[in-house]
N, C-alpha and C. Protein backbone atom coordinates (compact mmCIF):
# COMPACT_ATOMS: atom_id res chain seq x y z
N UNK A 1 -36.38 100.82 28.53
CA UNK A 1 -36.45 102.04 29.28
C UNK A 1 -37.05 103.13 28.38
N UNK A 2 -38.01 103.85 28.88
CA UNK A 2 -38.71 104.88 28.11
C UNK A 2 -37.88 106.16 28.02
N UNK A 3 -38.15 106.90 26.97
CA UNK A 3 -37.46 108.17 26.75
C UNK A 3 -38.01 109.22 27.72
N UNK A 4 -37.11 109.97 28.37
CA UNK A 4 -37.53 111.02 29.29
C UNK A 4 -37.95 112.27 28.52
N UNK A 5 -38.94 112.97 29.07
CA UNK A 5 -39.45 114.19 28.46
C UNK A 5 -38.91 115.38 29.27
N UNK A 6 -38.20 116.28 28.62
CA UNK A 6 -37.58 117.42 29.30
C UNK A 6 -38.27 118.73 28.93
N UNK A 7 -39.57 118.80 29.15
CA UNK A 7 -40.34 120.00 28.79
C UNK A 7 -39.88 121.23 29.58
N UNK A 8 -39.67 121.07 30.88
CA UNK A 8 -39.28 122.21 31.72
C UNK A 8 -37.89 122.72 31.36
N UNK A 9 -36.97 121.81 31.15
CA UNK A 9 -35.61 122.20 30.77
C UNK A 9 -35.61 122.88 29.40
N UNK A 10 -36.41 122.39 28.49
CA UNK A 10 -36.55 122.99 27.16
C UNK A 10 -37.03 124.45 27.28
N UNK A 11 -38.00 124.70 28.16
CA UNK A 11 -38.52 126.06 28.37
C UNK A 11 -37.44 127.00 28.91
N UNK A 12 -36.66 126.50 29.86
CA UNK A 12 -35.63 127.35 30.47
C UNK A 12 -34.51 127.64 29.47
N UNK A 13 -34.10 126.63 28.72
CA UNK A 13 -33.04 126.84 27.71
C UNK A 13 -33.53 127.83 26.65
N UNK A 14 -34.77 127.70 26.23
CA UNK A 14 -35.34 128.63 25.25
C UNK A 14 -35.40 130.05 25.83
N UNK A 15 -35.78 130.19 27.09
CA UNK A 15 -35.81 131.51 27.73
C UNK A 15 -34.40 132.11 27.79
N UNK A 16 -33.42 131.29 28.11
CA UNK A 16 -32.02 131.75 28.15
C UNK A 16 -31.58 132.22 26.76
N UNK A 17 -31.87 131.43 25.74
CA UNK A 17 -31.48 131.78 24.37
C UNK A 17 -32.13 133.09 23.93
N UNK A 18 -33.41 133.25 24.23
CA UNK A 18 -34.12 134.49 23.87
C UNK A 18 -33.53 135.68 24.62
N UNK A 19 -33.17 135.48 25.87
CA UNK A 19 -32.55 136.53 26.68
C UNK A 19 -31.23 136.99 26.04
N UNK A 20 -30.38 136.04 25.67
CA UNK A 20 -29.07 136.37 25.10
C UNK A 20 -29.25 137.12 23.78
N UNK A 21 -30.16 136.65 22.93
CA UNK A 21 -30.40 137.30 21.64
C UNK A 21 -30.93 138.72 21.86
N UNK A 22 -31.91 138.87 22.74
CA UNK A 22 -32.52 140.19 22.97
C UNK A 22 -31.50 141.16 23.56
N UNK A 23 -30.72 140.71 24.55
CA UNK A 23 -29.74 141.58 25.18
C UNK A 23 -28.60 141.94 24.21
N UNK A 24 -28.21 140.99 23.36
CA UNK A 24 -27.16 141.26 22.38
C UNK A 24 -27.61 142.34 21.40
N UNK A 25 -28.85 142.21 20.93
CA UNK A 25 -29.39 143.22 20.02
C UNK A 25 -29.52 144.56 20.71
N UNK A 26 -29.94 144.55 21.96
CA UNK A 26 -30.06 145.78 22.73
C UNK A 26 -28.69 146.45 22.88
N UNK A 27 -27.66 145.67 23.15
CA UNK A 27 -26.31 146.22 23.29
C UNK A 27 -25.82 146.85 21.99
N UNK A 28 -26.13 146.22 20.86
CA UNK A 28 -25.74 146.80 19.58
C UNK A 28 -26.46 148.12 19.35
N UNK A 29 -27.73 148.18 19.71
CA UNK A 29 -28.51 149.41 19.55
C UNK A 29 -27.92 150.52 20.43
N UNK A 30 -27.59 150.20 21.67
CA UNK A 30 -26.99 151.19 22.57
C UNK A 30 -25.65 151.70 22.04
N UNK A 31 -24.93 150.84 21.34
CA UNK A 31 -23.63 151.20 20.79
C UNK A 31 -23.75 151.77 19.38
N UNK A 32 -25.00 152.09 18.98
CA UNK A 32 -25.30 152.68 17.68
C UNK A 32 -24.89 151.77 16.53
N UNK A 33 -25.03 150.45 16.72
CA UNK A 33 -24.74 149.48 15.67
C UNK A 33 -25.97 148.62 15.38
N UNK A 34 -27.13 149.07 15.85
CA UNK A 34 -28.37 148.30 15.67
C UNK A 34 -28.98 148.56 14.31
N UNK A 35 -29.83 147.63 13.89
CA UNK A 35 -30.57 147.78 12.66
C UNK A 35 -29.84 147.31 11.42
N UNK A 36 -28.57 146.95 11.53
CA UNK A 36 -27.80 146.52 10.37
C UNK A 36 -27.82 145.02 10.18
N UNK A 37 -26.93 144.56 9.31
CA UNK A 37 -26.86 143.12 9.00
C UNK A 37 -26.52 142.27 10.22
N UNK A 38 -25.58 142.76 11.04
CA UNK A 38 -25.20 142.01 12.23
C UNK A 38 -26.39 141.89 13.18
N UNK A 39 -27.03 143.01 13.46
CA UNK A 39 -28.19 143.04 14.34
C UNK A 39 -29.26 142.05 13.87
N UNK A 40 -29.57 142.10 12.58
CA UNK A 40 -30.63 141.25 12.02
C UNK A 40 -30.25 139.78 11.95
N UNK A 41 -28.95 139.49 12.00
CA UNK A 41 -28.51 138.10 11.87
C UNK A 41 -28.48 137.35 13.20
N UNK A 42 -28.58 138.04 14.31
CA UNK A 42 -28.46 137.38 15.61
C UNK A 42 -29.71 136.54 15.89
N UNK A 43 -29.48 135.26 16.11
CA UNK A 43 -30.59 134.33 16.40
C UNK A 43 -30.00 133.12 17.13
N UNK A 44 -30.86 132.15 17.38
CA UNK A 44 -30.39 130.92 18.01
C UNK A 44 -31.08 129.73 17.36
N UNK A 45 -30.48 128.57 17.54
CA UNK A 45 -31.04 127.32 17.03
C UNK A 45 -30.90 126.29 18.15
N UNK A 46 -32.03 125.78 18.62
CA UNK A 46 -32.02 124.77 19.69
C UNK A 46 -32.37 123.42 19.07
N UNK A 47 -31.45 122.49 19.20
CA UNK A 47 -31.62 121.15 18.65
C UNK A 47 -31.72 120.17 19.80
N UNK A 48 -32.79 119.40 19.81
CA UNK A 48 -33.00 118.40 20.85
C UNK A 48 -32.60 117.04 20.30
N UNK A 49 -31.59 116.46 20.90
CA UNK A 49 -31.18 115.12 20.54
C UNK A 49 -31.57 114.19 21.66
N UNK A 50 -31.41 112.90 21.45
CA UNK A 50 -31.83 111.92 22.45
C UNK A 50 -31.17 112.13 23.81
N UNK A 51 -29.89 112.47 23.82
CA UNK A 51 -29.18 112.62 25.08
C UNK A 51 -28.58 114.00 25.27
N UNK A 52 -29.02 114.99 24.47
CA UNK A 52 -28.40 116.30 24.57
C UNK A 52 -29.31 117.41 24.04
N UNK A 53 -29.10 118.59 24.59
CA UNK A 53 -29.66 119.83 24.08
C UNK A 53 -28.49 120.57 23.43
N UNK A 54 -28.60 120.92 22.17
CA UNK A 54 -27.55 121.66 21.49
C UNK A 54 -28.09 123.06 21.18
N UNK A 55 -27.45 124.07 21.73
CA UNK A 55 -27.88 125.44 21.54
C UNK A 55 -26.80 126.18 20.76
N UNK A 56 -27.15 126.62 19.57
CA UNK A 56 -26.23 127.40 18.73
C UNK A 56 -26.72 128.83 18.65
N UNK A 57 -25.81 129.77 18.85
CA UNK A 57 -26.11 131.17 18.62
C UNK A 57 -25.53 131.52 17.26
N UNK A 58 -26.32 132.18 16.45
CA UNK A 58 -25.93 132.48 15.07
C UNK A 58 -25.84 133.98 14.85
N UNK A 59 -24.88 134.40 14.04
CA UNK A 59 -24.75 135.81 13.65
C UNK A 59 -23.78 135.87 12.48
N UNK A 60 -23.68 137.05 11.87
CA UNK A 60 -22.70 137.27 10.80
C UNK A 60 -21.31 136.92 11.31
N UNK A 61 -20.46 136.44 10.43
CA UNK A 61 -19.11 136.04 10.82
C UNK A 61 -18.33 137.15 11.51
N UNK A 62 -18.49 138.38 11.03
CA UNK A 62 -17.71 139.48 11.60
C UNK A 62 -18.19 139.88 12.99
N UNK A 63 -19.27 139.29 13.47
CA UNK A 63 -19.76 139.58 14.82
C UNK A 63 -18.74 139.27 15.90
N UNK A 64 -17.94 138.24 15.68
CA UNK A 64 -16.91 137.90 16.68
C UNK A 64 -15.85 138.99 16.77
N UNK A 65 -15.56 139.69 15.67
CA UNK A 65 -14.59 140.77 15.70
C UNK A 65 -15.15 141.98 16.44
N UNK A 66 -16.44 142.25 16.22
CA UNK A 66 -17.10 143.37 16.90
C UNK A 66 -17.16 143.07 18.40
N UNK A 67 -17.47 141.84 18.75
CA UNK A 67 -17.60 141.45 20.16
C UNK A 67 -16.26 141.46 20.88
N UNK A 68 -15.27 140.81 20.33
CA UNK A 68 -13.98 140.63 21.02
C UNK A 68 -12.96 141.72 20.71
N UNK A 69 -13.18 142.49 19.64
CA UNK A 69 -12.22 143.50 19.24
C UNK A 69 -11.10 142.87 18.43
N UNK A 70 -10.30 143.73 17.80
CA UNK A 70 -9.17 143.28 16.99
C UNK A 70 -7.99 144.18 17.29
N UNK A 71 -6.84 143.58 17.56
CA UNK A 71 -5.63 144.34 17.81
C UNK A 71 -5.15 144.94 16.49
N UNK A 72 -4.66 146.16 16.54
CA UNK A 72 -4.11 146.81 15.36
C UNK A 72 -2.68 146.37 15.12
N UNK A 73 -2.18 146.70 13.93
CA UNK A 73 -0.81 146.34 13.57
C UNK A 73 0.22 147.09 14.41
N UNK A 74 0.03 148.43 14.55
CA UNK A 74 1.04 149.20 15.26
C UNK A 74 0.63 149.62 16.66
N UNK A 75 -0.60 150.07 16.83
CA UNK A 75 -1.06 150.44 18.16
C UNK A 75 -2.46 149.89 18.35
N UNK A 76 -2.84 149.66 19.58
CA UNK A 76 -4.15 149.09 19.84
C UNK A 76 -4.88 149.92 20.87
N UNK A 77 -6.19 149.83 20.82
CA UNK A 77 -7.00 150.43 21.86
C UNK A 77 -6.76 149.67 23.15
N UNK A 78 -6.64 150.35 24.29
CA UNK A 78 -6.54 149.60 25.55
C UNK A 78 -7.80 148.77 25.76
N UNK A 79 -8.92 149.25 25.21
CA UNK A 79 -10.20 148.56 25.40
C UNK A 79 -10.30 147.28 24.57
N UNK A 80 -9.29 147.00 23.72
CA UNK A 80 -9.33 145.79 22.91
C UNK A 80 -9.34 144.56 23.80
N UNK A 81 -8.89 144.76 25.03
CA UNK A 81 -8.86 143.67 26.02
C UNK A 81 -8.07 142.49 25.47
N UNK A 82 -6.79 142.68 25.46
CA UNK A 82 -5.89 141.72 24.82
C UNK A 82 -6.16 140.27 25.21
N UNK A 83 -6.55 140.04 26.45
CA UNK A 83 -6.78 138.66 26.89
C UNK A 83 -7.96 138.03 26.15
N UNK A 84 -8.93 138.85 25.76
CA UNK A 84 -10.11 138.33 25.08
C UNK A 84 -9.91 138.21 23.58
N UNK A 85 -9.15 139.11 22.99
CA UNK A 85 -9.04 139.16 21.55
C UNK A 85 -7.85 138.35 21.05
N UNK A 86 -8.15 137.34 20.30
CA UNK A 86 -7.09 136.56 19.66
C UNK A 86 -6.87 137.05 18.23
N UNK A 87 -7.65 138.06 17.84
CA UNK A 87 -7.59 138.57 16.47
C UNK A 87 -6.64 139.76 16.39
N UNK A 88 -5.88 139.83 15.28
CA UNK A 88 -4.96 140.94 15.07
C UNK A 88 -4.78 141.17 13.59
N UNK A 89 -4.86 142.45 13.21
CA UNK A 89 -4.58 142.82 11.82
C UNK A 89 -3.10 142.65 11.57
N UNK A 90 -2.76 142.20 10.37
CA UNK A 90 -1.36 142.04 10.01
C UNK A 90 -0.75 140.74 10.46
N UNK A 91 -1.58 139.82 10.98
CA UNK A 91 -1.05 138.53 11.45
C UNK A 91 -0.81 137.57 10.30
N UNK A 92 -1.40 137.86 9.14
CA UNK A 92 -1.23 136.98 7.98
C UNK A 92 -2.16 135.79 7.97
N UNK A 93 -3.06 135.70 8.94
CA UNK A 93 -3.96 134.55 9.02
C UNK A 93 -5.35 134.83 8.45
N UNK A 94 -5.67 136.09 8.24
CA UNK A 94 -7.00 136.45 7.77
C UNK A 94 -7.10 136.43 6.25
N UNK A 95 -8.28 136.74 5.77
CA UNK A 95 -8.53 136.80 4.34
C UNK A 95 -7.90 138.08 3.79
N UNK A 96 -7.11 137.97 2.75
CA UNK A 96 -6.48 139.14 2.14
C UNK A 96 -7.56 140.03 1.53
N UNK A 97 -7.56 141.30 1.92
CA UNK A 97 -8.49 142.26 1.34
C UNK A 97 -9.89 142.21 1.92
N UNK A 98 -10.12 141.38 2.92
CA UNK A 98 -11.46 141.25 3.51
C UNK A 98 -11.94 142.53 4.15
N UNK A 99 -11.06 143.21 4.87
CA UNK A 99 -11.42 144.48 5.52
C UNK A 99 -11.72 145.54 4.48
N UNK A 100 -10.90 145.62 3.45
CA UNK A 100 -11.07 146.61 2.39
C UNK A 100 -12.40 146.42 1.67
N UNK A 101 -12.72 145.20 1.31
CA UNK A 101 -13.99 144.92 0.63
C UNK A 101 -15.17 145.25 1.53
N UNK A 102 -15.08 144.87 2.80
CA UNK A 102 -16.16 145.12 3.74
C UNK A 102 -16.42 146.61 3.95
N UNK A 103 -15.35 147.38 4.10
CA UNK A 103 -15.49 148.83 4.29
C UNK A 103 -16.03 149.48 3.02
N UNK A 104 -15.55 149.05 1.86
CA UNK A 104 -16.05 149.60 0.60
C UNK A 104 -17.54 149.35 0.43
N UNK A 105 -17.96 148.14 0.72
CA UNK A 105 -19.39 147.80 0.63
C UNK A 105 -20.21 148.62 1.62
N UNK A 106 -19.69 148.77 2.83
CA UNK A 106 -20.39 149.53 3.87
C UNK A 106 -20.53 151.00 3.48
N UNK A 107 -19.46 151.60 2.94
CA UNK A 107 -19.50 153.01 2.53
C UNK A 107 -20.55 153.24 1.45
N UNK A 108 -20.60 152.36 0.48
CA UNK A 108 -21.58 152.52 -0.61
C UNK A 108 -23.00 152.31 -0.11
N UNK A 109 -23.17 151.39 0.81
CA UNK A 109 -24.50 151.13 1.36
C UNK A 109 -25.00 152.33 2.16
N UNK A 110 -24.14 152.93 2.98
CA UNK A 110 -24.51 154.07 3.81
C UNK A 110 -24.59 155.37 3.01
N UNK A 111 -23.91 155.41 1.86
CA UNK A 111 -23.95 156.55 0.94
C UNK A 111 -23.56 157.87 1.60
N UNK A 112 -22.48 157.86 2.33
CA UNK A 112 -21.98 159.13 2.85
C UNK A 112 -20.56 159.35 2.35
N UNK A 113 -20.20 160.60 2.24
CA UNK A 113 -18.86 160.95 1.78
C UNK A 113 -18.34 162.15 2.57
N UNK A 114 -17.05 162.11 2.86
CA UNK A 114 -16.42 163.26 3.49
C UNK A 114 -16.11 164.29 2.41
N UNK A 115 -15.82 165.48 2.88
CA UNK A 115 -15.38 166.53 1.96
C UNK A 115 -13.90 166.80 2.21
N UNK A 116 -13.20 167.16 1.14
CA UNK A 116 -11.80 167.52 1.30
C UNK A 116 -11.70 168.99 1.74
N UNK A 117 -10.47 169.49 1.86
CA UNK A 117 -10.29 170.86 2.35
C UNK A 117 -10.86 171.92 1.41
N UNK A 118 -11.10 171.56 0.15
CA UNK A 118 -11.68 172.52 -0.81
C UNK A 118 -13.21 172.39 -0.88
N UNK A 119 -13.78 171.50 -0.08
CA UNK A 119 -15.23 171.32 -0.05
C UNK A 119 -15.76 170.31 -1.05
N UNK A 120 -14.89 169.65 -1.78
CA UNK A 120 -15.32 168.64 -2.76
C UNK A 120 -15.52 167.29 -2.05
N UNK A 121 -16.47 166.51 -2.55
CA UNK A 121 -16.67 165.19 -1.99
C UNK A 121 -15.50 164.29 -2.34
N UNK A 122 -15.06 163.52 -1.36
CA UNK A 122 -13.99 162.54 -1.59
C UNK A 122 -14.59 161.33 -2.28
N UNK A 123 -13.80 160.62 -3.04
CA UNK A 123 -14.27 159.40 -3.68
C UNK A 123 -14.42 158.30 -2.63
N UNK A 124 -15.24 157.32 -2.94
CA UNK A 124 -15.41 156.19 -2.04
C UNK A 124 -14.08 155.47 -1.85
N UNK A 125 -13.27 155.38 -2.92
CA UNK A 125 -11.99 154.70 -2.82
C UNK A 125 -11.04 155.42 -1.87
N UNK A 126 -11.02 156.74 -1.91
CA UNK A 126 -10.15 157.50 -1.01
C UNK A 126 -10.60 157.32 0.44
N UNK A 127 -11.89 157.40 0.66
CA UNK A 127 -12.41 157.21 2.02
C UNK A 127 -12.13 155.80 2.51
N UNK A 128 -12.34 154.84 1.63
CA UNK A 128 -12.09 153.44 1.97
C UNK A 128 -10.64 153.26 2.39
N UNK A 129 -9.71 153.83 1.65
CA UNK A 129 -8.29 153.73 1.97
C UNK A 129 -7.99 154.31 3.35
N UNK A 130 -8.51 155.51 3.62
CA UNK A 130 -8.23 156.16 4.91
C UNK A 130 -8.81 155.38 6.09
N UNK A 131 -10.03 154.89 5.93
CA UNK A 131 -10.68 154.14 7.01
C UNK A 131 -9.97 152.81 7.26
N UNK A 132 -9.67 152.10 6.17
CA UNK A 132 -8.99 150.80 6.30
C UNK A 132 -7.61 150.98 6.93
N UNK A 133 -6.88 152.00 6.53
CA UNK A 133 -5.55 152.25 7.09
C UNK A 133 -5.64 152.52 8.59
N UNK A 134 -6.63 153.32 8.99
CA UNK A 134 -6.80 153.64 10.41
C UNK A 134 -7.16 152.40 11.22
N UNK A 135 -8.12 151.64 10.74
CA UNK A 135 -8.54 150.42 11.45
C UNK A 135 -7.40 149.42 11.51
N UNK A 136 -6.69 149.24 10.40
CA UNK A 136 -5.59 148.28 10.35
C UNK A 136 -4.52 148.62 11.39
N UNK A 137 -4.20 149.90 11.52
CA UNK A 137 -3.15 150.31 12.46
C UNK A 137 -3.63 150.38 13.91
N UNK A 138 -4.83 150.89 14.14
CA UNK A 138 -5.31 151.10 15.51
C UNK A 138 -6.08 149.91 16.07
N UNK A 139 -6.72 149.13 15.22
CA UNK A 139 -7.52 148.01 15.68
C UNK A 139 -8.97 148.41 15.90
N UNK A 140 -9.75 147.49 16.40
CA UNK A 140 -11.16 147.71 16.71
C UNK A 140 -11.39 147.48 18.20
N UNK A 141 -12.09 148.39 18.81
CA UNK A 141 -12.41 148.31 20.23
C UNK A 141 -13.42 147.15 20.46
N UNK A 142 -13.17 146.37 21.49
CA UNK A 142 -14.11 145.31 21.87
C UNK A 142 -15.34 145.94 22.52
N UNK A 143 -16.54 145.51 22.10
CA UNK A 143 -17.72 146.05 22.78
C UNK A 143 -18.49 144.97 23.55
N UNK A 144 -18.12 143.73 23.35
CA UNK A 144 -18.67 142.59 24.11
C UNK A 144 -20.21 142.57 24.11
N UNK A 145 -20.80 142.94 22.97
CA UNK A 145 -22.26 142.97 22.86
C UNK A 145 -22.87 141.59 23.06
N UNK A 146 -22.14 140.53 22.74
CA UNK A 146 -22.65 139.17 22.88
C UNK A 146 -22.08 138.49 24.12
N UNK A 147 -20.81 138.66 24.41
CA UNK A 147 -20.14 137.97 25.52
C UNK A 147 -20.78 138.27 26.87
N UNK A 148 -21.10 139.55 27.10
CA UNK A 148 -21.70 139.93 28.38
C UNK A 148 -23.06 139.29 28.60
N UNK A 149 -24.01 139.38 27.65
CA UNK A 149 -25.31 138.73 27.89
C UNK A 149 -25.20 137.20 27.99
N UNK A 150 -24.27 136.62 27.24
CA UNK A 150 -24.07 135.17 27.30
C UNK A 150 -23.69 134.76 28.72
N UNK A 151 -22.71 135.47 29.30
CA UNK A 151 -22.26 135.15 30.65
C UNK A 151 -23.31 135.49 31.70
N UNK A 152 -23.93 136.68 31.59
CA UNK A 152 -24.95 137.08 32.55
C UNK A 152 -26.14 136.13 32.50
N UNK A 153 -26.48 135.66 31.30
CA UNK A 153 -27.57 134.71 31.15
C UNK A 153 -27.27 133.40 31.85
N UNK A 154 -26.03 132.93 31.74
CA UNK A 154 -25.65 131.69 32.43
C UNK A 154 -25.81 131.85 33.94
N UNK A 155 -25.37 133.02 34.45
CA UNK A 155 -25.50 133.28 35.89
C UNK A 155 -26.98 133.38 36.28
N UNK A 156 -27.75 134.07 35.47
CA UNK A 156 -29.17 134.30 35.77
C UNK A 156 -29.99 133.00 35.73
N UNK A 157 -29.69 132.14 34.79
CA UNK A 157 -30.51 130.94 34.58
C UNK A 157 -29.91 129.66 35.15
N UNK A 158 -28.72 129.71 35.76
CA UNK A 158 -28.07 128.48 36.20
C UNK A 158 -28.93 127.68 37.19
N UNK A 159 -29.52 128.35 38.17
CA UNK A 159 -30.38 127.63 39.12
C UNK A 159 -31.63 127.09 38.44
N UNK A 160 -32.17 127.87 37.50
CA UNK A 160 -33.36 127.42 36.78
C UNK A 160 -33.07 126.20 35.92
N UNK A 161 -31.87 126.13 35.31
CA UNK A 161 -31.49 124.94 34.54
C UNK A 161 -31.54 123.70 35.43
N UNK A 162 -30.92 123.83 36.58
CA UNK A 162 -30.85 122.71 37.52
C UNK A 162 -32.24 122.31 38.02
N UNK A 163 -33.03 123.31 38.45
CA UNK A 163 -34.38 123.03 38.97
C UNK A 163 -35.27 122.40 37.91
N UNK A 164 -35.19 122.88 36.67
CA UNK A 164 -36.01 122.33 35.59
C UNK A 164 -35.61 120.89 35.29
N UNK A 165 -34.31 120.61 35.31
CA UNK A 165 -33.85 119.25 35.07
C UNK A 165 -34.36 118.30 36.16
N UNK A 166 -34.25 118.70 37.41
CA UNK A 166 -34.72 117.88 38.52
C UNK A 166 -36.23 117.66 38.41
N UNK A 167 -36.97 118.72 38.11
CA UNK A 167 -38.43 118.61 37.96
C UNK A 167 -38.80 117.66 36.83
N UNK A 168 -38.09 117.73 35.71
CA UNK A 168 -38.37 116.82 34.59
C UNK A 168 -38.09 115.37 34.96
N UNK A 169 -36.99 115.15 35.66
CA UNK A 169 -36.65 113.77 36.08
C UNK A 169 -37.72 113.26 37.04
N UNK A 170 -38.14 114.10 37.99
CA UNK A 170 -39.18 113.69 38.94
C UNK A 170 -40.50 113.40 38.25
N UNK A 171 -40.86 114.23 37.27
CA UNK A 171 -42.12 114.03 36.56
C UNK A 171 -42.10 112.81 35.66
N UNK A 172 -40.92 112.37 35.26
CA UNK A 172 -40.80 111.21 34.38
C UNK A 172 -40.55 109.91 35.14
N UNK A 173 -40.50 110.00 36.46
CA UNK A 173 -40.18 108.81 37.27
C UNK A 173 -41.27 108.56 38.31
N UNK A 174 -41.64 107.31 38.43
CA UNK A 174 -42.59 106.92 39.48
C UNK A 174 -41.89 105.92 40.38
N UNK A 175 -41.66 106.31 41.62
CA UNK A 175 -41.01 105.45 42.62
C UNK A 175 -39.73 104.80 42.11
N UNK A 176 -38.90 105.59 41.45
CA UNK A 176 -37.60 105.10 41.00
C UNK A 176 -37.64 104.35 39.67
N UNK A 177 -38.82 104.17 39.08
CA UNK A 177 -38.90 103.48 37.78
C UNK A 177 -39.38 104.47 36.73
N UNK A 178 -38.85 104.34 35.52
CA UNK A 178 -39.29 105.22 34.43
C UNK A 178 -40.68 104.84 34.00
N UNK A 179 -41.43 105.88 33.55
CA UNK A 179 -42.78 105.63 33.03
C UNK A 179 -42.73 104.85 31.76
């Protein structure tokens, strides 16, 4: 039996993947989070195997926290959408000091500093402490920059997936026999 060629299905899956990546990046830009490491890391990898199409969406690890939100230790944003977020600060399951290191690196990269009540610049360590404490207690709001385009893309392309598959099978078959 000859191997079937799925050119049409490949095109539709690629179009879906490009749609999800483009819309995810657009959502980050609208939320004023575009242009950074997360934005630049969003991509996809389509692997064609003999009996399967494997589509992986790639991004920085912390992208899942930005997308789904994180519950705070003491109070949470209502927008965290508890049903979607399985992440919570203070659960003891995360990397110790990961938030602190990430915020410290981000502060130095952005090179901004607050001023204290006397007009002096605060140290990066002081700012890092205040920001980390606030995030740890309040949590992070879910923005669903990736989840929404992923779902909308499935809805948008579902008929095209099916039609492309049928067309490929028809093009690879002559009167019920494979070419």
